[in-house]
Amino acid sequence: MDESTSQALLAHNEMQQIYGDTMSTPNLYQRIIKVMEAVPYVQKDATFQAGAGRSYKGVTHDAVVAKLRVAMIKHGIVMTVQQTGEACVEGQTKSGAPKLRYEAWYIVTLINADNPAERESYPIHAHAEDSGDKAPGKAVSYAVKMALLKAFALETGENDESRYQPEEVTYITDDQAAD
């Protein structure tokens, strides 16, 4: 048996362990759930300038992709990005420097690698401003980041301790309710 066949057999066996013997090919939603289980959280990794000396913490495209990539490969989810429209407006900053506001519309699609006809698409509108030629790249990065955050219901936060913790609910017994 050659190495690629051996690797494929190992991957198949691992999928059988994850999805069970009764599921020869998990559907896209089952795969998305497995990725959600594997990657529940992405830590905010950057500080963004909001103007007027204000800033905020956020998560970058690279951090989201880095967290999801291995799980998406493992569970056979492929992503494509299609641009469906664009608009550019030239302007200038308060100091008079030229800038470009680029707006674009995208469809980010998750695809079941074992059944490419099975797909889920997320339409996203994104914009970016830049004084050079980087605005289109910034816009597509934003669109991909937002689609992935929403598709996999990823929580973002500054650290593990700041993650949302649902309140514990205490249920009363029937006897306590009768009293």
N, C-alpha and C. Protein backbone atom coordinates (compact mmCIF):
# COMPACT_ATOMS: atom_id res chain seq x y z
N MET A 1 0.85 -1.17 0.00
CA MET A 1 0.00 0.00 0.00
C MET A 1 0.91 1.24 0.00
N ASP A 2 0.65 2.19 -0.91
CA ASP A 2 1.48 3.39 -0.96
C ASP A 2 1.09 4.36 0.17
N GLU A 3 1.90 5.41 0.36
CA GLU A 3 1.71 6.32 1.49
C GLU A 3 0.40 7.10 1.40
N SER A 4 0.02 7.56 0.21
CA SER A 4 -1.22 8.34 0.09
C SER A 4 -2.45 7.47 0.38
N THR A 5 -2.42 6.22 -0.04
CA THR A 5 -3.53 5.31 0.26
C THR A 5 -3.60 5.05 1.76
N SER A 6 -2.44 4.88 2.38
CA SER A 6 -2.39 4.67 3.81
C SER A 6 -2.94 5.87 4.57
N GLN A 7 -2.58 7.09 4.14
CA GLN A 7 -3.08 8.30 4.79
C GLN A 7 -4.59 8.43 4.61
N ALA A 8 -5.07 8.10 3.43
CA ALA A 8 -6.51 8.17 3.17
C ALA A 8 -7.27 7.18 4.04
N LEU A 9 -6.72 5.99 4.21
CA LEU A 9 -7.33 4.98 5.06
C LEU A 9 -7.36 5.43 6.52
N LEU A 10 -6.27 6.03 6.98
CA LEU A 10 -6.23 6.55 8.35
C LEU A 10 -7.27 7.65 8.54
N ALA A 11 -7.39 8.55 7.57
CA ALA A 11 -8.38 9.63 7.66
C ALA A 11 -9.79 9.05 7.67
N HIS A 12 -10.04 8.04 6.84
CA HIS A 12 -11.36 7.40 6.82
C HIS A 12 -11.67 6.76 8.17
N ASN A 13 -10.70 6.06 8.75
CA ASN A 13 -10.91 5.43 10.05
C ASN A 13 -11.18 6.47 11.13
N GLU A 14 -10.48 7.60 11.07
CA GLU A 14 -10.71 8.66 12.05
C GLU A 14 -12.12 9.23 11.89
N MET A 15 -12.56 9.43 10.65
CA MET A 15 -13.92 9.92 10.42
C MET A 15 -14.95 8.93 10.95
N GLN A 16 -14.69 7.64 10.78
CA GLN A 16 -15.60 6.62 11.31
C GLN A 16 -15.70 6.73 12.84
N GLN A 17 -14.56 6.96 13.49
CA GLN A 17 -14.57 7.11 14.94
C GLN A 17 -15.32 8.35 15.37
N ILE A 18 -15.17 9.43 14.61
CA ILE A 18 -15.84 10.69 14.96
C ILE A 18 -17.34 10.61 14.70
N TYR A 19 -17.73 10.13 13.52
CA TYR A 19 -19.12 10.18 13.10
C TYR A 19 -19.87 8.86 13.31
N GLY A 20 -19.17 7.79 13.65
CA GLY A 20 -19.83 6.52 13.88
C GLY A 20 -19.93 5.69 12.62
N ASP A 21 -20.11 4.39 12.80
CA ASP A 21 -20.17 3.47 11.67
C ASP A 21 -21.40 3.64 10.81
N THR A 22 -22.48 4.21 11.38
CA THR A 22 -23.72 4.32 10.61
C THR A 22 -23.69 5.49 9.64
N MET A 23 -22.75 6.40 9.83
CA MET A 23 -22.67 7.56 8.95
C MET A 23 -21.48 7.42 8.03
N SER A 24 -21.71 6.94 6.82
CA SER A 24 -20.58 6.79 5.92
C SER A 24 -20.09 8.14 5.43
N THR A 25 -21.00 9.09 5.20
CA THR A 25 -20.62 10.43 4.77
C THR A 25 -21.46 11.45 5.52
N PRO A 26 -20.86 12.12 6.50
CA PRO A 26 -21.63 13.12 7.26
C PRO A 26 -22.02 14.30 6.37
N ASN A 27 -23.19 14.87 6.65
CA ASN A 27 -23.62 16.02 5.85
C ASN A 27 -22.90 17.28 6.32
N LEU A 28 -23.09 18.36 5.59
CA LEU A 28 -22.36 19.59 5.88
C LEU A 28 -22.67 20.12 7.27
N TYR A 29 -23.92 20.05 7.68
CA TYR A 29 -24.28 20.57 9.00
C TYR A 29 -23.64 19.76 10.12
N GLN A 30 -23.54 18.46 9.96
CA GLN A 30 -22.85 17.63 10.95
C GLN A 30 -21.37 17.99 11.01
N ARG A 31 -20.80 18.29 9.88
CA ARG A 31 -19.38 18.70 9.83
C ARG A 31 -19.20 20.06 10.50
N ILE A 32 -20.12 20.99 10.23
CA ILE A 32 -20.03 22.31 10.85
C ILE A 32 -20.12 22.17 12.37
N ILE A 33 -21.02 21.33 12.85
CA ILE A 33 -21.14 21.11 14.31
C ILE A 33 -19.83 20.57 14.88
N LYS A 34 -19.18 19.65 14.19
CA LYS A 34 -17.90 19.10 14.67
C LYS A 34 -16.83 20.19 14.74
N VAL A 35 -16.81 21.08 13.76
CA VAL A 35 -15.86 22.19 13.80
C VAL A 35 -16.21 23.12 14.96
N MET A 36 -17.50 23.38 15.17
CA MET A 36 -17.92 24.22 16.29
C MET A 36 -17.49 23.62 17.63
N GLU A 37 -17.59 22.31 17.75
CA GLU A 37 -17.15 21.64 18.97
C GLU A 37 -15.63 21.77 19.15
N ALA A 38 -14.89 21.68 18.06
CA ALA A 38 -13.43 21.73 18.12
C ALA A 38 -12.90 23.14 18.36
N VAL A 39 -13.62 24.15 17.87
CA VAL A 39 -13.15 25.54 17.97
C VAL A 39 -14.30 26.43 18.47
N PRO A 40 -14.47 26.54 19.78
CA PRO A 40 -15.58 27.34 20.30
C PRO A 40 -15.26 28.82 20.47
N TYR A 41 -13.98 29.22 20.36
CA TYR A 41 -13.57 30.54 20.80
C TYR A 41 -12.34 31.01 20.03
N VAL A 42 -12.31 32.30 19.70
CA VAL A 42 -11.12 32.91 19.10
C VAL A 42 -10.79 34.14 19.94
N GLN A 43 -9.57 34.20 20.42
CA GLN A 43 -9.15 35.32 21.26
C GLN A 43 -8.88 36.57 20.40
N LYS A 44 -9.36 37.71 20.87
CA LYS A 44 -9.08 38.97 20.20
C LYS A 44 -7.57 39.18 20.22
N ASP A 45 -7.01 39.49 19.07
CA ASP A 45 -5.56 39.53 18.95
C ASP A 45 -5.00 40.85 18.45
N ALA A 46 -5.86 41.85 18.29
CA ALA A 46 -5.36 43.11 17.73
C ALA A 46 -6.10 44.29 18.32
N THR A 47 -5.46 45.44 18.24
CA THR A 47 -6.09 46.70 18.62
C THR A 47 -6.27 47.51 17.35
N PHE A 48 -7.49 47.97 17.11
CA PHE A 48 -7.82 48.73 15.91
C PHE A 48 -8.10 50.17 16.29
N GLN A 49 -7.67 51.09 15.43
CA GLN A 49 -7.91 52.51 15.65
C GLN A 49 -9.30 52.86 15.13
N ALA A 50 -10.07 53.59 15.96
CA ALA A 50 -11.43 53.96 15.59
C ALA A 50 -11.54 55.44 15.26
N GLY A 51 -10.44 56.15 15.28
CA GLY A 51 -10.47 57.58 15.00
C GLY A 51 -10.63 58.38 16.27
N ALA A 52 -10.27 59.64 16.22
CA ALA A 52 -10.37 60.56 17.36
C ALA A 52 -9.65 60.00 18.59
N GLY A 53 -8.55 59.26 18.35
CA GLY A 53 -7.78 58.73 19.47
C GLY A 53 -8.40 57.53 20.16
N ARG A 54 -9.50 57.03 19.64
CA ARG A 54 -10.15 55.86 20.24
C ARG A 54 -9.66 54.58 19.57
N SER A 55 -9.71 53.49 20.31
CA SER A 55 -9.34 52.19 19.76
C SER A 55 -10.21 51.12 20.40
N TYR A 56 -10.19 49.96 19.80
CA TYR A 56 -10.94 48.82 20.34
C TYR A 56 -10.17 47.55 20.02
N LYS A 57 -10.43 46.51 20.81
CA LYS A 57 -9.81 45.21 20.57
C LYS A 57 -10.70 44.42 19.64
N GLY A 58 -10.06 43.64 18.78
CA GLY A 58 -10.82 42.82 17.84
C GLY A 58 -10.01 41.61 17.42
N VAL A 59 -10.65 40.78 16.64
CA VAL A 59 -10.00 39.57 16.14
C VAL A 59 -9.68 39.77 14.66
N THR A 60 -8.52 39.31 14.24
CA THR A 60 -8.12 39.47 12.84
C THR A 60 -8.55 38.28 11.99
N HIS A 61 -8.56 38.51 10.69
CA HIS A 61 -8.83 37.45 9.72
C HIS A 61 -7.88 36.28 9.94
N ASP A 62 -6.58 36.59 10.10
CA ASP A 62 -5.59 35.52 10.25
C ASP A 62 -5.83 34.69 11.50
N ALA A 63 -6.25 35.31 12.60
CA ALA A 63 -6.52 34.57 13.83
C ALA A 63 -7.70 33.62 13.64
N VAL A 64 -8.74 34.08 12.97
CA VAL A 64 -9.92 33.23 12.72
C VAL A 64 -9.56 32.05 11.83
N VAL A 65 -8.86 32.33 10.74
CA VAL A 65 -8.48 31.26 9.81
C VAL A 65 -7.54 30.27 10.49
N ALA A 66 -6.57 30.78 11.25
CA ALA A 66 -5.63 29.89 11.94
C ALA A 66 -6.35 28.96 12.92
N LYS A 67 -7.36 29.47 13.61
CA LYS A 67 -8.10 28.63 14.56
C LYS A 67 -8.94 27.58 13.85
N LEU A 68 -9.52 27.92 12.71
CA LEU A 68 -10.48 27.03 12.03
C LEU A 68 -9.86 26.08 11.02
N ARG A 69 -8.73 26.43 10.46
CA ARG A 69 -8.18 25.71 9.31
C ARG A 69 -8.04 24.20 9.54
N VAL A 70 -7.38 23.82 10.62
CA VAL A 70 -7.14 22.39 10.87
C VAL A 70 -8.47 21.65 11.04
N ALA A 71 -9.41 22.24 11.79
CA ALA A 71 -10.70 21.57 12.01
C ALA A 71 -11.50 21.47 10.71
N MET A 72 -11.43 22.49 9.87
CA MET A 72 -12.15 22.43 8.59
C MET A 72 -11.56 21.35 7.69
N ILE A 73 -10.24 21.23 7.68
CA ILE A 73 -9.61 20.18 6.88
C ILE A 73 -9.99 18.81 7.43
N LYS A 74 -9.88 18.66 8.73
CA LYS A 74 -10.17 17.37 9.37
C LYS A 74 -11.60 16.92 9.09
N HIS A 75 -12.53 17.85 9.07
CA HIS A 75 -13.94 17.50 8.90
C HIS A 75 -14.45 17.71 7.47
N GLY A 76 -13.53 17.95 6.54
CA GLY A 76 -13.88 17.98 5.12
C GLY A 76 -14.77 19.13 4.72
N ILE A 77 -14.43 20.34 5.17
CA ILE A 77 -15.18 21.54 4.75
C ILE A 77 -14.24 22.44 3.95
N VAL A 78 -14.68 22.77 2.75
CA VAL A 78 -13.92 23.64 1.86
C VAL A 78 -14.66 24.98 1.79
N MET A 79 -13.92 26.07 1.66
CA MET A 79 -14.54 27.39 1.57
C MET A 79 -14.17 28.04 0.24
N THR A 80 -15.15 28.69 -0.39
CA THR A 80 -14.87 29.51 -1.56
C THR A 80 -15.42 30.91 -1.32
N VAL A 81 -14.86 31.87 -2.03
CA VAL A 81 -15.31 33.26 -1.93
C VAL A 81 -15.56 33.77 -3.35
N GLN A 82 -16.73 34.32 -3.56
CA GLN A 82 -17.08 34.87 -4.86
C GLN A 82 -17.47 36.33 -4.67
N GLN A 83 -16.86 37.22 -5.42
CA GLN A 83 -17.24 38.63 -5.37
C GLN A 83 -18.36 38.85 -6.37
N THR A 84 -19.44 39.50 -5.92
CA THR A 84 -20.60 39.70 -6.79
C THR A 84 -20.80 41.16 -7.19
N GLY A 85 -20.08 42.06 -6.56
CA GLY A 85 -20.21 43.47 -6.92
C GLY A 85 -19.17 44.29 -6.19
N GLU A 86 -18.95 45.53 -6.68
CA GLU A 86 -17.99 46.41 -6.03
C GLU A 86 -18.29 47.86 -6.36
N ALA A 87 -17.78 48.75 -5.53
CA ALA A 87 -17.87 50.18 -5.77
C ALA A 87 -16.66 50.84 -5.11
N CYS A 88 -16.12 51.86 -5.76
CA CYS A 88 -14.96 52.58 -5.23
C CYS A 88 -15.29 54.07 -5.17
N VAL A 89 -14.88 54.69 -4.08
CA VAL A 89 -15.04 56.13 -3.93
C VAL A 89 -13.69 56.68 -3.50
N GLU A 90 -13.18 57.60 -4.28
CA GLU A 90 -11.91 58.24 -3.91
C GLU A 90 -12.22 59.44 -3.03
N GLY A 91 -11.38 59.63 -2.03
CA GLY A 91 -11.56 60.75 -1.12
C GLY A 91 -10.23 61.13 -0.53
N GLN A 92 -10.30 61.82 0.59
CA GLN A 92 -9.06 62.19 1.27
C GLN A 92 -9.27 62.21 2.77
N THR A 93 -8.18 62.03 3.47
CA THR A 93 -8.21 62.06 4.92
C THR A 93 -8.34 63.51 5.38
N LYS A 94 -8.52 63.71 6.69
CA LYS A 94 -8.62 65.06 7.24
C LYS A 94 -7.37 65.88 6.96
N SER A 95 -6.24 65.21 6.84
CA SER A 95 -4.99 65.92 6.57
C SER A 95 -4.78 66.16 5.07
N GLY A 96 -5.70 65.68 4.23
CA GLY A 96 -5.60 65.92 2.80
C GLY A 96 -4.96 64.80 2.00
N ALA A 97 -4.52 63.75 2.66
CA ALA A 97 -3.91 62.62 1.94
C ALA A 97 -4.99 61.83 1.20
N PRO A 98 -4.68 61.32 0.01
CA PRO A 98 -5.70 60.56 -0.73
C PRO A 98 -6.02 59.23 -0.04
N LYS A 99 -7.28 58.83 -0.16
CA LYS A 99 -7.68 57.52 0.36
C LYS A 99 -8.76 56.95 -0.55
N LEU A 100 -8.90 55.65 -0.50
CA LEU A 100 -9.87 54.94 -1.31
C LEU A 100 -10.82 54.19 -0.38
N ARG A 101 -12.12 54.40 -0.58
CA ARG A 101 -13.12 53.59 0.13
C ARG A 101 -13.63 52.58 -0.88
N TYR A 102 -13.39 51.32 -0.56
CA TYR A 102 -13.75 50.22 -1.45
C TYR A 102 -14.87 49.43 -0.79
N GLU A 103 -15.97 49.24 -1.51
CA GLU A 103 -17.08 48.42 -1.03
C GLU A 103 -17.24 47.24 -1.97
N ALA A 104 -17.56 46.09 -1.39
CA ALA A 104 -17.76 44.91 -2.24
C ALA A 104 -18.79 43.99 -1.60
N TRP A 105 -19.41 43.21 -2.45
CA TRP A 105 -20.37 42.22 -2.02
C TRP A 105 -19.80 40.85 -2.38
N TYR A 106 -19.88 39.95 -1.42
CA TYR A 106 -19.28 38.62 -1.58
C TYR A 106 -20.30 37.56 -1.21
N ILE A 107 -20.05 36.37 -1.70
CA ILE A 107 -20.74 35.18 -1.23
C ILE A 107 -19.66 34.22 -0.77
N VAL A 108 -19.64 33.95 0.53
CA VAL A 108 -18.69 33.00 1.12
C VAL A 108 -19.45 31.68 1.26
N THR A 109 -18.92 30.63 0.67
CA THR A 109 -19.63 29.35 0.62
C THR A 109 -18.80 28.26 1.30
N LEU A 110 -19.45 27.52 2.20
CA LEU A 110 -18.85 26.33 2.81
C LEU A 110 -19.37 25.13 2.04
N ILE A 111 -18.47 24.21 1.71
CA ILE A 111 -18.80 23.07 0.84
C ILE A 111 -18.38 21.78 1.52
N ASN A 112 -19.23 20.77 1.45
CA ASN A 112 -18.91 19.43 1.93
C ASN A 112 -17.94 18.82 0.91
N ALA A 113 -16.72 18.54 1.34
CA ALA A 113 -15.69 18.04 0.43
C ALA A 113 -16.05 16.68 -0.17
N ASP A 114 -16.85 15.87 0.53
CA ASP A 114 -17.24 14.56 0.03
C ASP A 114 -18.49 14.61 -0.85
N ASN A 115 -19.20 15.73 -0.80
CA ASN A 115 -20.41 15.90 -1.59
C ASN A 115 -20.49 17.37 -2.00
N PRO A 116 -19.72 17.80 -3.00
CA PRO A 116 -19.61 19.21 -3.34
C PRO A 116 -20.92 19.90 -3.70
N ALA A 117 -21.96 19.14 -4.02
CA ALA A 117 -23.25 19.76 -4.29
C ALA A 117 -23.88 20.30 -3.00
N GLU A 118 -23.43 19.79 -1.88
CA GLU A 118 -23.96 20.23 -0.58
C GLU A 118 -23.14 21.43 -0.10
N ARG A 119 -23.80 22.58 -0.02
CA ARG A 119 -23.10 23.81 0.32
C ARG A 119 -24.02 24.77 1.06
N GLU A 120 -23.41 25.65 1.80
CA GLU A 120 -24.14 26.70 2.52
C GLU A 120 -23.44 28.02 2.22
N SER A 121 -24.22 29.01 1.76
CA SER A 121 -23.63 30.28 1.35
C SER A 121 -24.04 31.42 2.28
N TYR A 122 -23.12 32.34 2.45
CA TYR A 122 -23.31 33.48 3.33
C TYR A 122 -23.02 34.76 2.54
N PRO A 123 -24.05 35.54 2.19
CA PRO A 123 -23.79 36.81 1.50
C PRO A 123 -23.27 37.84 2.51
N ILE A 124 -22.21 38.53 2.14
CA ILE A 124 -21.56 39.48 3.04
C ILE A 124 -21.24 40.76 2.28
N HIS A 125 -21.54 41.90 2.88
CA HIS A 125 -21.14 43.20 2.34
C HIS A 125 -19.97 43.68 3.20
N ALA A 126 -18.92 44.15 2.56
CA ALA A 126 -17.75 44.62 3.31
C ALA A 126 -17.20 45.87 2.65
N HIS A 127 -16.55 46.69 3.46
CA HIS A 127 -15.88 47.86 2.92
C HIS A 127 -14.56 48.06 3.66
N ALA A 128 -13.68 48.82 3.04
CA ALA A 128 -12.38 49.12 3.64
C ALA A 128 -11.86 50.42 3.05
N GLU A 129 -11.07 51.10 3.84
CA GLU A 129 -10.43 52.33 3.38
C GLU A 129 -8.93 52.14 3.43
N ASP A 130 -8.25 52.72 2.44
CA ASP A 130 -6.80 52.61 2.41
C ASP A 130 -6.25 53.73 1.53
N SER A 131 -5.05 54.17 1.86
CA SER A 131 -4.43 55.23 1.05
C SER A 131 -3.64 54.64 -0.12
N GLY A 132 -3.52 53.34 -0.16
CA GLY A 132 -2.79 52.68 -1.25
C GLY A 132 -3.70 51.73 -2.00
N ASP A 133 -3.16 50.55 -2.30
CA ASP A 133 -3.91 49.58 -3.10
C ASP A 133 -4.42 48.41 -2.27
N LYS A 134 -4.45 48.56 -0.94
CA LYS A 134 -4.79 47.42 -0.09
C LYS A 134 -6.28 47.31 0.28
N ALA A 135 -7.09 48.29 -0.08
CA ALA A 135 -8.51 48.27 0.31
C ALA A 135 -9.26 47.03 -0.19
N PRO A 136 -9.09 46.59 -1.45
CA PRO A 136 -9.80 45.37 -1.87
C PRO A 136 -9.44 44.14 -1.03
N GLY A 137 -8.15 43.99 -0.71
CA GLY A 137 -7.73 42.85 0.12
C GLY A 137 -8.29 42.93 1.53
N LYS A 138 -8.33 44.14 2.08
CA LYS A 138 -8.90 44.33 3.42
C LYS A 138 -10.39 43.97 3.43
N ALA A 139 -11.10 44.36 2.37
CA ALA A 139 -12.54 44.08 2.31
C ALA A 139 -12.81 42.58 2.22
N VAL A 140 -12.08 41.85 1.38
CA VAL A 140 -12.33 40.41 1.27
C VAL A 140 -11.93 39.70 2.56
N SER A 141 -10.86 40.16 3.21
CA SER A 141 -10.46 39.56 4.49
C SER A 141 -11.55 39.76 5.53
N TYR A 142 -12.13 40.95 5.58
CA TYR A 142 -13.22 41.23 6.52
C TYR A 142 -14.43 40.33 6.22
N ALA A 143 -14.78 40.20 4.94
CA ALA A 143 -15.94 39.39 4.56
C ALA A 143 -15.74 37.93 4.99
N VAL A 144 -14.56 37.38 4.73
CA VAL A 144 -14.28 35.99 5.10
C VAL A 144 -14.31 35.83 6.62
N LYS A 145 -13.67 36.76 7.33
CA LYS A 145 -13.65 36.69 8.80
C LYS A 145 -15.07 36.70 9.36
N MET A 146 -15.89 37.61 8.90
CA MET A 146 -17.26 37.70 9.43
C MET A 146 -18.09 36.48 9.07
N ALA A 147 -17.96 35.99 7.85
CA ALA A 147 -18.72 34.79 7.46
C ALA A 147 -18.33 33.60 8.32
N LEU A 148 -17.04 33.41 8.56
CA LEU A 148 -16.59 32.28 9.37
C LEU A 148 -17.02 32.43 10.83
N LEU A 149 -16.90 33.63 11.38
CA LEU A 149 -17.33 33.86 12.76
C LEU A 149 -18.81 33.52 12.93
N LYS A 150 -19.62 33.92 11.97
CA LYS A 150 -21.07 33.68 12.06
C LYS A 150 -21.43 32.23 11.72
N ALA A 151 -20.80 31.67 10.69
CA ALA A 151 -21.14 30.30 10.27
C ALA A 151 -20.84 29.30 11.39
N PHE A 152 -19.73 29.51 12.10
CA PHE A 152 -19.34 28.58 13.15
C PHE A 152 -19.69 29.10 14.54
N ALA A 153 -20.48 30.17 14.61
CA ALA A 153 -20.93 30.76 15.88
C ALA A 153 -19.78 30.91 16.86
N LEU A 154 -18.68 31.50 16.38
CA LEU A 154 -17.49 31.63 17.20
C LEU A 154 -17.60 32.80 18.16
N GLU A 155 -17.30 32.52 19.39
CA GLU A 155 -17.23 33.55 20.41
C GLU A 155 -15.85 34.20 20.33
N THR A 156 -15.81 35.52 20.52
CA THR A 156 -14.52 36.21 20.58
C THR A 156 -14.42 36.92 21.92
N GLY A 157 -13.23 37.06 22.42
CA GLY A 157 -13.02 37.74 23.69
C GLY A 157 -11.56 38.07 23.87
N GLU A 158 -11.28 38.85 24.92
CA GLU A 158 -9.90 39.25 25.16
C GLU A 158 -9.08 38.18 25.84
N ASN A 159 -9.75 37.32 26.62
CA ASN A 159 -9.05 36.21 27.27
C ASN A 159 -10.08 35.17 27.69
N ASP A 160 -9.61 34.00 28.05
CA ASP A 160 -10.52 32.91 28.43
C ASP A 160 -11.42 33.30 29.59
N GLU A 161 -10.88 34.07 30.53
CA GLU A 161 -11.67 34.43 31.72
C GLU A 161 -12.84 35.34 31.37
N SER A 162 -12.74 36.09 30.27
CA SER A 162 -13.80 37.02 29.92
C SER A 162 -14.90 36.37 29.08
N ARG A 163 -14.77 35.09 28.80
CA ARG A 163 -15.77 34.41 27.99
C ARG A 163 -17.11 34.39 28.70
N TYR A 164 -18.17 34.44 27.95
CA TYR A 164 -19.51 34.41 28.50
C TYR A 164 -19.74 33.08 29.21
N GLN A 165 -20.23 33.16 30.41
CA GLN A 165 -20.57 31.97 31.18
C GLN A 165 -22.06 32.03 31.49
N PRO A 166 -22.85 31.13 30.93
CA PRO A 166 -24.28 31.17 31.23
C PRO A 166 -24.52 30.91 32.71
N GLU A 167 -25.54 31.59 33.23
CA GLU A 167 -25.87 31.39 34.64
C GLU A 167 -26.36 29.96 34.85
N GLU A 168 -25.98 29.41 36.00
CA GLU A 168 -26.48 28.08 36.33
C GLU A 168 -27.93 28.20 36.74
N VAL A 169 -28.73 27.32 36.23
CA VAL A 169 -30.15 27.31 36.56
C VAL A 169 -30.38 26.19 37.57
N THR A 170 -31.04 26.53 38.66
CA THR A 170 -31.36 25.53 39.67
C THR A 170 -32.83 25.18 39.52
N TYR A 171 -33.09 23.92 39.32
CA TYR A 171 -34.46 23.46 39.16
C TYR A 171 -34.97 22.92 40.50
N ILE A 172 -36.24 23.16 40.75
CA ILE A 172 -36.84 22.61 41.96
C ILE A 172 -37.51 21.29 41.64
N THR A 173 -37.64 20.47 42.64
CA THR A 173 -38.30 19.17 42.46
C THR A 173 -39.79 19.35 42.48
N ASP A 174 -40.52 18.32 42.08
CA ASP A 174 -41.99 18.38 42.12
C ASP A 174 -42.47 18.56 43.55
N ASP A 175 -41.78 17.92 44.51
CA ASP A 175 -42.17 18.07 45.93
C ASP A 175 -42.00 19.49 46.40
N GLN A 176 -40.90 20.13 45.99
CA GLN A 176 -40.68 21.52 46.40
C GLN A 176 -41.73 22.43 45.76
N ALA A 177 -42.13 22.15 44.55
CA ALA A 177 -43.14 22.95 43.88
C ALA A 177 -44.50 22.80 44.55
N ALA A 178 -44.77 21.62 45.07
CA ALA A 178 -46.06 21.36 45.72
C ALA A 178 -46.18 22.07 47.07
N ASP A 179 -45.05 22.37 47.70
CA ASP A 179 -45.09 23.03 49.02
C ASP A 179 -45.52 24.45 48.96
